[in-house]
Amino acid sequence: MKKRTPKMKHIITAVFMIFAFAKAVTAQDAKAEKLLDEVTAKFQSYENISFLYKGNLRNAKSKTNMDIQGSARMSGEKYNVGYLGTTIIFDGTKQYVINSEDEQVTVSTLDDDNAQSITPSNMLSFYNKGYNKKMDIVKNVGGRKIQFVKLTPIKSDSNYKSVLIGIDSNTKHINEVIVTEKNGTVITFTIKSLKVNEPCLRILLYLIKKNTAATT
């Protein structure tokens, strides 16, 4: 069975950043704080969220340049993330990593000492350790005003150099996340489409849990 590579870990982390930052940050800049509060309130008002994403992971030193795309569904602490033939599901208790190529399922729990196990819960606690935040550039994307908020870690031992969060000023939805690590890795994520409060999502998460349980 194939293990998750560091690249996959980077990508999974960035997917969760899209919503973890929206729910966990406390901004010092007054305008950034107001905007992030609005984003937080908007996302917390939804029963569930599903989206398609595209992006890029690059590192000039290691000559890495990889385009990525996938999908994610989230409801509370439950999620279903798809990426390059791998599906990662968390049902509130256990995490299932399903590799379609190997036709195998790996199951872990929140109690497992697994450094590569990344969930919205531990992402939230990670970000609470402290970032400085301020308003950054504004982009016009297809007639939409995208306001960026820049986050920089307070502690010098962080792996991250900065994180830019692009927010649609009208909908208060996150449009783009750009993560720059100190090792030169840059991960860019853009939301292609986003749907909220889908009636079928609760049923889908239930069926996924039922099916994964049957395979273990």
C-alpha atoms as a PDB file:
ATOM      1  CA  MET A   1       0.000   0.000   0.000  1.00  0.00           C
ATOM      2  CA  LYS A   2       1.298   3.434  -0.902  1.00  0.00           C
ATOM      3  CA  LYS A   3       1.927   5.971   1.813  1.00  0.00           C
ATOM      4  CA  ARG A   4       0.973   9.593   1.580  1.00  0.00           C
ATOM      5  CA  THR A   5       3.897  11.579   0.220  1.00  0.00           C
ATOM      6  CA  PRO A   6       5.048  14.937   1.610  1.00  0.00           C
ATOM      7  CA  LYS A   7       3.456  16.557  -1.443  1.00  0.00           C
ATOM      8  CA  MET A   8       0.089  15.027  -0.596  1.00  0.00           C
ATOM      9  CA  LYS A   9       0.466  16.182   3.002  1.00  0.00           C
ATOM     10  CA  HIS A  10       1.096  19.740   1.764  1.00  0.00           C
ATOM     11  CA  ILE A  11      -1.977  19.633  -0.443  1.00  0.00           C
ATOM     12  CA  ILE A  12      -4.295  18.164   2.185  1.00  0.00           C
ATOM     13  CA  THR A  13      -3.089  20.809   4.633  1.00  0.00           C
ATOM     14  CA  ALA A  14      -3.821  23.589   2.161  1.00  0.00           C
ATOM     15  CA  VAL A  15      -7.339  22.308   1.508  1.00  0.00           C
ATOM     16  CA  PHE A  16      -8.143  22.503   5.210  1.00  0.00           C
ATOM     17  CA  MET A  17      -6.531  25.932   5.448  1.00  0.00           C
ATOM     18  CA  ILE A  18      -9.293  27.275   3.247  1.00  0.00           C
ATOM     19  CA  PHE A  19     -11.766  26.840   6.092  1.00  0.00           C
ATOM     20  CA  ALA A  20      -9.554  26.536   9.151  1.00  0.00           C
ATOM     21  CA  PHE A  21      -8.246  30.064   8.746  1.00  0.00           C
ATOM     22  CA  ALA A  22     -11.748  31.355   8.237  1.00  0.00           C
ATOM     23  CA  LYS A  23     -12.859  29.890  11.563  1.00  0.00           C
ATOM     24  CA  ALA A  24      -9.765  30.264  13.755  1.00  0.00           C
ATOM     25  CA  VAL A  25      -7.902  33.519  13.188  1.00  0.00           C
ATOM     26  CA  THR A  26      -7.943  36.568  15.430  1.00  0.00           C
ATOM     27  CA  ALA A  27      -6.750  39.578  13.496  1.00  0.00           C
ATOM     28  CA  GLN A  28      -4.786  42.512  14.893  1.00  0.00           C
ATOM     29  CA  ASP A  29      -5.549  44.870  11.975  1.00  0.00           C
ATOM     30  CA  ALA A  30      -9.022  46.373  12.597  1.00  0.00           C
ATOM     31  CA  LYS A  31     -10.136  46.085   8.968  1.00  0.00           C
ATOM     32  CA  ALA A  32      -8.724  42.583   8.639  1.00  0.00           C
ATOM     33  CA  GLU A  33     -10.434  41.603  11.885  1.00  0.00           C
ATOM     34  CA  LYS A  34     -13.794  42.887  10.660  1.00  0.00           C
ATOM     35  CA  LEU A  35     -13.482  41.087   7.325  1.00  0.00           C
ATOM     36  CA  LEU A  36     -12.400  37.804   8.901  1.00  0.00           C
ATOM     37  CA  ASP A  37     -15.232  38.041  11.433  1.00  0.00           C
ATOM     38  CA  GLU A  38     -17.669  38.373   8.524  1.00  0.00           C
ATOM     39  CA  VAL A  39     -16.127  35.365   6.781  1.00  0.00           C
ATOM     40  CA  THR A  40     -16.316  33.341   9.994  1.00  0.00           C
ATOM     41  CA  ALA A  41     -19.969  34.235  10.551  1.00  0.00           C
ATOM     42  CA  LYS A  42     -20.842  33.330   6.963  1.00  0.00           C
ATOM     43  CA  PHE A  43     -19.231  29.883   7.055  1.00  0.00           C
ATOM     44  CA  GLN A  44     -20.557  29.058  10.511  1.00  0.00           C
ATOM     45  CA  SER A  45     -24.078  29.740   9.255  1.00  0.00           C
ATOM     46  CA  TYR A  46     -23.863  26.861   6.750  1.00  0.00           C
ATOM     47  CA  GLU A  47     -24.870  23.300   7.598  1.00  0.00           C
ATOM     48  CA  ASN A  48     -22.454  21.928   5.021  1.00  0.00           C
ATOM     49  CA  ILE A  49     -20.070  23.066   2.296  1.00  0.00           C
ATOM     50  CA  SER A  50     -18.836  21.391  -0.878  1.00  0.00           C
ATOM     51  CA  PHE A  51     -16.384  22.776  -3.401  1.00  0.00           C
ATOM     52  CA  LEU A  52     -14.153  22.002  -6.353  1.00  0.00           C
ATOM     53  CA  TYR A  53     -10.623  23.370  -6.269  1.00  0.00           C
ATOM     54  CA  LYS A  54      -7.593  23.747  -8.473  1.00  0.00           C
ATOM     55  CA  GLY A  55      -4.097  24.784  -7.602  1.00  0.00           C
ATOM     56  CA  ASN A  56      -0.367  24.437  -7.935  1.00  0.00           C
ATOM     57  CA  LEU A  57       2.497  23.262  -5.751  1.00  0.00           C
ATOM     58  CA  ARG A  58       5.960  24.462  -6.683  1.00  0.00           C
ATOM     59  CA  ASN A  59       9.458  24.600  -5.252  1.00  0.00           C
ATOM     60  CA  ALA A  60      12.278  25.910  -7.422  1.00  0.00           C
ATOM     61  CA  LYS A  61      15.001  24.259  -5.329  1.00  0.00           C
ATOM     62  CA  SER A  62      13.552  20.766  -5.690  1.00  0.00           C
ATOM     63  CA  LYS A  63      12.332  21.503  -9.230  1.00  0.00           C
ATOM     64  CA  THR A  64       8.774  20.693  -8.229  1.00  0.00           C
ATOM     65  CA  ASN A  65       5.926  22.157 -10.260  1.00  0.00           C
ATOM     66  CA  MET A  66       2.680  20.220  -9.981  1.00  0.00           C
ATOM     67  CA  ASP A  67      -0.847  21.248 -10.915  1.00  0.00           C
ATOM     68  CA  ILE A  68      -3.538  19.843  -8.668  1.00  0.00           C
ATOM     69  CA  GLN A  69      -7.305  19.649  -8.563  1.00  0.00           C
ATOM     70  CA  GLY A  70      -9.907  17.887  -6.521  1.00  0.00           C
ATOM     71  CA  SER A  71     -13.038  18.191  -4.440  1.00  0.00           C
ATOM     72  CA  ALA A  72     -13.998  18.523  -0.790  1.00  0.00           C
ATOM     73  CA  ARG A  73     -17.171  18.186   1.255  1.00  0.00           C
ATOM     74  CA  MET A  74     -17.355  19.372   4.849  1.00  0.00           C
ATOM     75  CA  SER A  75     -20.076  19.291   7.487  1.00  0.00           C
ATOM     76  CA  GLY A  76     -19.035  20.260  10.989  1.00  0.00           C
ATOM     77  CA  GLU A  77     -16.023  18.093  11.813  1.00  0.00           C
ATOM     78  CA  LYS A  78     -16.867  15.555   9.084  1.00  0.00           C
ATOM     79  CA  TYR A  79     -15.198  15.805   5.704  1.00  0.00           C
ATOM     80  CA  ASN A  80     -14.568  14.014   2.428  1.00  0.00           C
ATOM     81  CA  VAL A  81     -11.585  15.195   0.380  1.00  0.00           C
ATOM     82  CA  GLY A  82     -10.654  13.821  -3.036  1.00  0.00           C
ATOM     83  CA  TYR A  83      -7.206  14.179  -4.582  1.00  0.00           C
ATOM     84  CA  LEU A  84      -5.439  12.261  -7.398  1.00  0.00           C
ATOM     85  CA  GLY A  85      -7.235   8.975  -6.872  1.00  0.00           C
ATOM     86  CA  THR A  86      -7.143   9.149  -3.086  1.00  0.00           C
ATOM     87  CA  THR A  87     -10.186   9.847  -0.915  1.00  0.00           C
ATOM     88  CA  ILE A  88      -9.796  10.976   2.692  1.00  0.00           C
ATOM     89  CA  ILE A  89     -12.866  10.729   4.918  1.00  0.00           C
ATOM     90  CA  PHE A  90     -13.376  11.702   8.543  1.00  0.00           C
ATOM     91  CA  ASP A  91     -16.700  10.607  10.043  1.00  0.00           C
ATOM     92  CA  GLY A  92     -16.288  12.401  13.358  1.00  0.00           C
ATOM     93  CA  THR A  93     -14.408   9.538  14.993  1.00  0.00           C
ATOM     94  CA  LYS A  94     -12.224   7.761  12.450  1.00  0.00           C
ATOM     95  CA  GLN A  95     -10.283   8.851   9.387  1.00  0.00           C
ATOM     96  CA  TYR A  96     -10.354   6.638   6.289  1.00  0.00           C
ATOM     97  CA  VAL A  97      -7.723   6.979   3.551  1.00  0.00           C
ATOM     98  CA  ILE A  98      -8.968   5.159   0.455  1.00  0.00           C
ATOM     99  CA  ASN A  99      -6.477   4.482  -2.328  1.00  0.00           C
ATOM    100  CA  SER A 100      -8.425   3.536  -5.444  1.00  0.00           C
ATOM    101  CA  GLU A 101      -5.325   2.300  -7.268  1.00  0.00           C
ATOM    102  CA  ASP A 102      -4.367  -0.167  -4.538  1.00  0.00           C
ATOM    103  CA  GLU A 103      -7.999  -0.842  -3.588  1.00  0.00           C
ATOM    104  CA  GLN A 104      -7.066  -0.544   0.069  1.00  0.00           C
ATOM    105  CA  VAL A 105      -8.379   1.448   3.023  1.00  0.00           C
ATOM    106  CA  THR A 106      -6.283   2.741   5.925  1.00  0.00           C
ATOM    107  CA  VAL A 107      -8.176   3.582   9.106  1.00  0.00           C
ATOM    108  CA  SER A 108      -6.895   5.774  11.934  1.00  0.00           C
ATOM    109  CA  THR A 109      -8.383   7.566  14.921  1.00  0.00           C
ATOM    110  CA  LEU A 110      -7.740  10.945  16.487  1.00  0.00           C
ATOM    111  CA  ASP A 111      -5.808   9.160  19.225  1.00  0.00           C
ATOM    112  CA  ASP A 112      -3.289   7.727  16.802  1.00  0.00           C
ATOM    113  CA  ASP A 113       0.178   9.276  16.948  1.00  0.00           C
ATOM    114  CA  ASN A 114       0.268   9.977  13.238  1.00  0.00           C
ATOM    115  CA  ALA A 115       2.217  13.041  12.188  1.00  0.00           C
ATOM    116  CA  GLN A 116       0.620  12.982   8.747  1.00  0.00           C
ATOM    117  CA  SER A 117      -2.951  12.856  10.062  1.00  0.00           C
ATOM    118  CA  ILE A 118      -4.379  16.303   9.392  1.00  0.00           C
ATOM    119  CA  THR A 119      -7.924  17.218  10.365  1.00  0.00           C
ATOM    120  CA  PRO A 120      -9.878  20.460  10.664  1.00  0.00           C
ATOM    121  CA  SER A 121      -9.702  20.061  14.446  1.00  0.00           C
ATOM    122  CA  ASN A 122      -5.933  20.081  14.771  1.00  0.00           C
ATOM    123  CA  MET A 123      -5.625  22.733  12.085  1.00  0.00           C
ATOM    124  CA  LEU A 124      -7.743  25.021  14.254  1.00  0.00           C
ATOM    125  CA  SER A 125      -5.598  24.503  17.323  1.00  0.00           C
ATOM    126  CA  PHE A 126      -2.443  24.937  15.232  1.00  0.00           C
ATOM    127  CA  TYR A 127      -3.490  28.360  13.982  1.00  0.00           C
ATOM    128  CA  ASN A 128      -4.460  29.520  17.439  1.00  0.00           C
ATOM    129  CA  LYS A 129      -0.770  29.603  18.322  1.00  0.00           C
ATOM    130  CA  GLY A 130      -0.606  33.036  16.777  1.00  0.00           C
ATOM    131  CA  TYR A 131      -0.328  34.947  13.528  1.00  0.00           C
ATOM    132  CA  ASN A 132      -0.069  38.630  12.740  1.00  0.00           C
ATOM    133  CA  LYS A 133      -2.757  39.688  10.266  1.00  0.00           C
ATOM    134  CA  LYS A 134      -3.231  42.686   8.038  1.00  0.00           C
ATOM    135  CA  MET A 135      -5.062  43.762   4.900  1.00  0.00           C
ATOM    136  CA  ASP A 136      -3.086  43.185   1.707  1.00  0.00           C
ATOM    137  CA  ILE A 137      -3.669  43.649  -2.023  1.00  0.00           C
ATOM    138  CA  VAL A 138      -6.991  43.751  -3.876  1.00  0.00           C
ATOM    139  CA  LYS A 139      -7.503  41.839  -7.131  1.00  0.00           C
ATOM    140  CA  ASN A 140     -10.256  42.089  -9.717  1.00  0.00           C
ATOM    141  CA  VAL A 141     -11.170  38.550 -10.748  1.00  0.00           C
ATOM    142  CA  GLY A 142     -13.880  38.349 -13.385  1.00  0.00           C
ATOM    143  CA  GLY A 143     -15.481  41.535 -12.110  1.00  0.00           C
ATOM    144  CA  ARG A 144     -15.304  40.403  -8.491  1.00  0.00           C
ATOM    145  CA  LYS A 145     -13.327  42.294  -5.856  1.00  0.00           C
ATOM    146  CA  ILE A 146     -11.015  39.863  -4.057  1.00  0.00           C
ATOM    147  CA  GLN A 147      -9.505  41.335  -0.900  1.00  0.00           C
ATOM    148  CA  PHE A 148      -6.431  39.546   0.445  1.00  0.00           C
ATOM    149  CA  VAL A 149      -5.528  39.263   4.120  1.00  0.00           C
ATOM    150  CA  LYS A 150      -1.904  38.434   4.914  1.00  0.00           C
ATOM    151  CA  LEU A 151      -0.995  36.214   7.856  1.00  0.00           C
ATOM    152  CA  THR A 152       2.559  35.931   9.176  1.00  0.00           C
ATOM    153  CA  PRO A 153       3.538  33.641  12.061  1.00  0.00           C
ATOM    154  CA  ILE A 154       4.487  35.273  15.333  1.00  0.00           C
ATOM    155  CA  LYS A 155       6.929  32.525  16.285  1.00  0.00           C
ATOM    156  CA  SER A 156      10.165  32.287  14.336  1.00  0.00           C
ATOM    157  CA  ASP A 157      10.184  28.472  14.361  1.00  0.00           C
ATOM    158  CA  SER A 158       7.058  28.181  12.197  1.00  0.00           C
ATOM    159  CA  ASN A 159       7.364  26.322   8.884  1.00  0.00           C
ATOM    160  CA  TYR A 160       5.302  29.023   7.217  1.00  0.00           C
ATOM    161  CA  LYS A 161       6.625  32.313   5.915  1.00  0.00           C
ATOM    162  CA  SER A 162       3.222  33.757   5.099  1.00  0.00           C
ATOM    163  CA  VAL A 163      -0.328  32.893   4.094  1.00  0.00           C
ATOM    164  CA  LEU A 164      -2.494  35.047   1.830  1.00  0.00           C
ATOM    165  CA  ILE A 165      -6.253  34.531   1.996  1.00  0.00           C
ATOM    166  CA  GLY A 166      -8.277  35.989  -0.887  1.00  0.00           C
ATOM    167  CA  ILE A 167     -11.850  36.835   0.126  1.00  0.00           C
ATOM    168  CA  ASP A 168     -14.731  37.815  -2.152  1.00  0.00           C
ATOM    169  CA  SER A 169     -15.779  41.196  -0.767  1.00  0.00           C
ATOM    170  CA  ASN A 170     -19.397  40.641  -1.809  1.00  0.00           C
ATOM    171  CA  THR A 171     -20.111  37.046  -0.756  1.00  0.00           C
ATOM    172  CA  LYS A 172     -17.511  36.862   2.050  1.00  0.00           C
ATOM    173  CA  HIS A 173     -16.446  33.485   0.664  1.00  0.00           C
ATOM    174  CA  ILE A 174     -12.806  32.462   0.429  1.00  0.00           C
ATOM    175  CA  ASN A 175     -11.694  32.483  -3.199  1.00  0.00           C
ATOM    176  CA  GLU A 176      -7.972  31.746  -2.989  1.00  0.00           C
ATOM    177  CA  VAL A 177      -5.288  30.681  -0.520  1.00  0.00           C
ATOM    178  CA  ILE A 178      -1.551  31.127  -1.147  1.00  0.00           C
ATOM    179  CA  VAL A 179       0.769  29.407   1.330  1.00  0.00           C
ATOM    180  CA  THR A 180       4.486  30.235   1.277  1.00  0.00           C
ATOM    181  CA  GLU A 181       6.751  28.020   3.346  1.00  0.00           C
ATOM    182  CA  LYS A 182      10.241  28.891   4.548  1.00  0.00           C
ATOM    183  CA  ASN A 183      11.724  26.085   2.455  1.00  0.00           C
ATOM    184  CA  GLY A 184      10.539  27.840  -0.705  1.00  0.00           C
ATOM    185  CA  THR A 185       7.439  25.742  -1.328  1.00  0.00           C
ATOM    186  CA  VAL A 186       4.484  27.775  -2.578  1.00  0.00           C
ATOM    187  CA  ILE A 187       1.004  26.242  -2.637  1.00  0.00           C
ATOM    188  CA  THR A 188      -1.778  28.074  -4.448  1.00  0.00           C
ATOM    189  CA  PHE A 189      -5.403  27.023  -4.123  1.00  0.00           C
ATOM    190  CA  THR A 190      -8.370  28.529  -5.960  1.00  0.00           C
ATOM    191  CA  ILE A 191     -12.017  27.621  -5.395  1.00  0.00           C
ATOM    192  CA  LYS A 192     -13.584  26.782  -8.776  1.00  0.00           C
ATOM    193  CA  SER A 193     -17.123  26.333  -7.477  1.00  0.00           C
ATOM    194  CA  LEU A 194     -18.752  26.277  -4.056  1.00  0.00           C
ATOM    195  CA  LYS A 195     -22.128  24.972  -2.894  1.00  0.00           C
ATOM    196  CA  VAL A 196     -23.650  25.189   0.568  1.00  0.00           C
ATOM    197  CA  ASN A 197     -26.465  23.528   2.509  1.00  0.00           C
ATOM    198  CA  GLU A 198     -26.930  20.670   0.062  1.00  0.00           C
ATOM    199  CA  PRO A 199     -29.642  18.236   1.278  1.00  0.00           C
ATOM    200  CA  CYS A 200     -27.850  15.289  -0.307  1.00  0.00           C
ATOM    201  CA  LEU A 201     -24.555  15.885   1.491  1.00  0.00           C
ATOM    202  CA  ARG A 202     -25.716  14.523   4.842  1.00  0.00           C
ATOM    203  CA  ILE A 203     -26.927  11.346   3.131  1.00  0.00           C
ATOM    204  CA  LEU A 204     -23.665  11.077   1.185  1.00  0.00           C
ATOM    205  CA  LEU A 205     -21.547  11.307   4.335  1.00  0.00           C
ATOM    206  CA  TYR A 206     -23.704   8.611   5.957  1.00  0.00           C
ATOM    207  CA  LEU A 207     -23.374   6.274   2.983  1.00  0.00           C
ATOM    208  CA  ILE A 208     -19.622   6.832   2.851  1.00  0.00           C
ATOM    209  CA  LYS A 209     -19.303   5.933   6.526  1.00  0.00           C
ATOM    210  CA  LYS A 210     -21.429   2.826   5.991  1.00  0.00           C
ATOM    211  CA  ASN A 211     -19.430   1.700   2.968  1.00  0.00           C
ATOM    212  CA  THR A 212     -16.029   2.303   4.560  1.00  0.00           C
ATOM    213  CA  ALA A 213     -17.099   0.418   7.675  1.00  0.00           C
ATOM    214  CA  ALA A 214     -18.038  -2.532   5.506  1.00  0.00           C
ATOM    215  CA  THR A 215     -14.559  -2.629   3.949  1.00  0.00           C
ATOM    216  CA  THR A 216     -12.681  -2.700   7.262  1.00  0.00           C
END
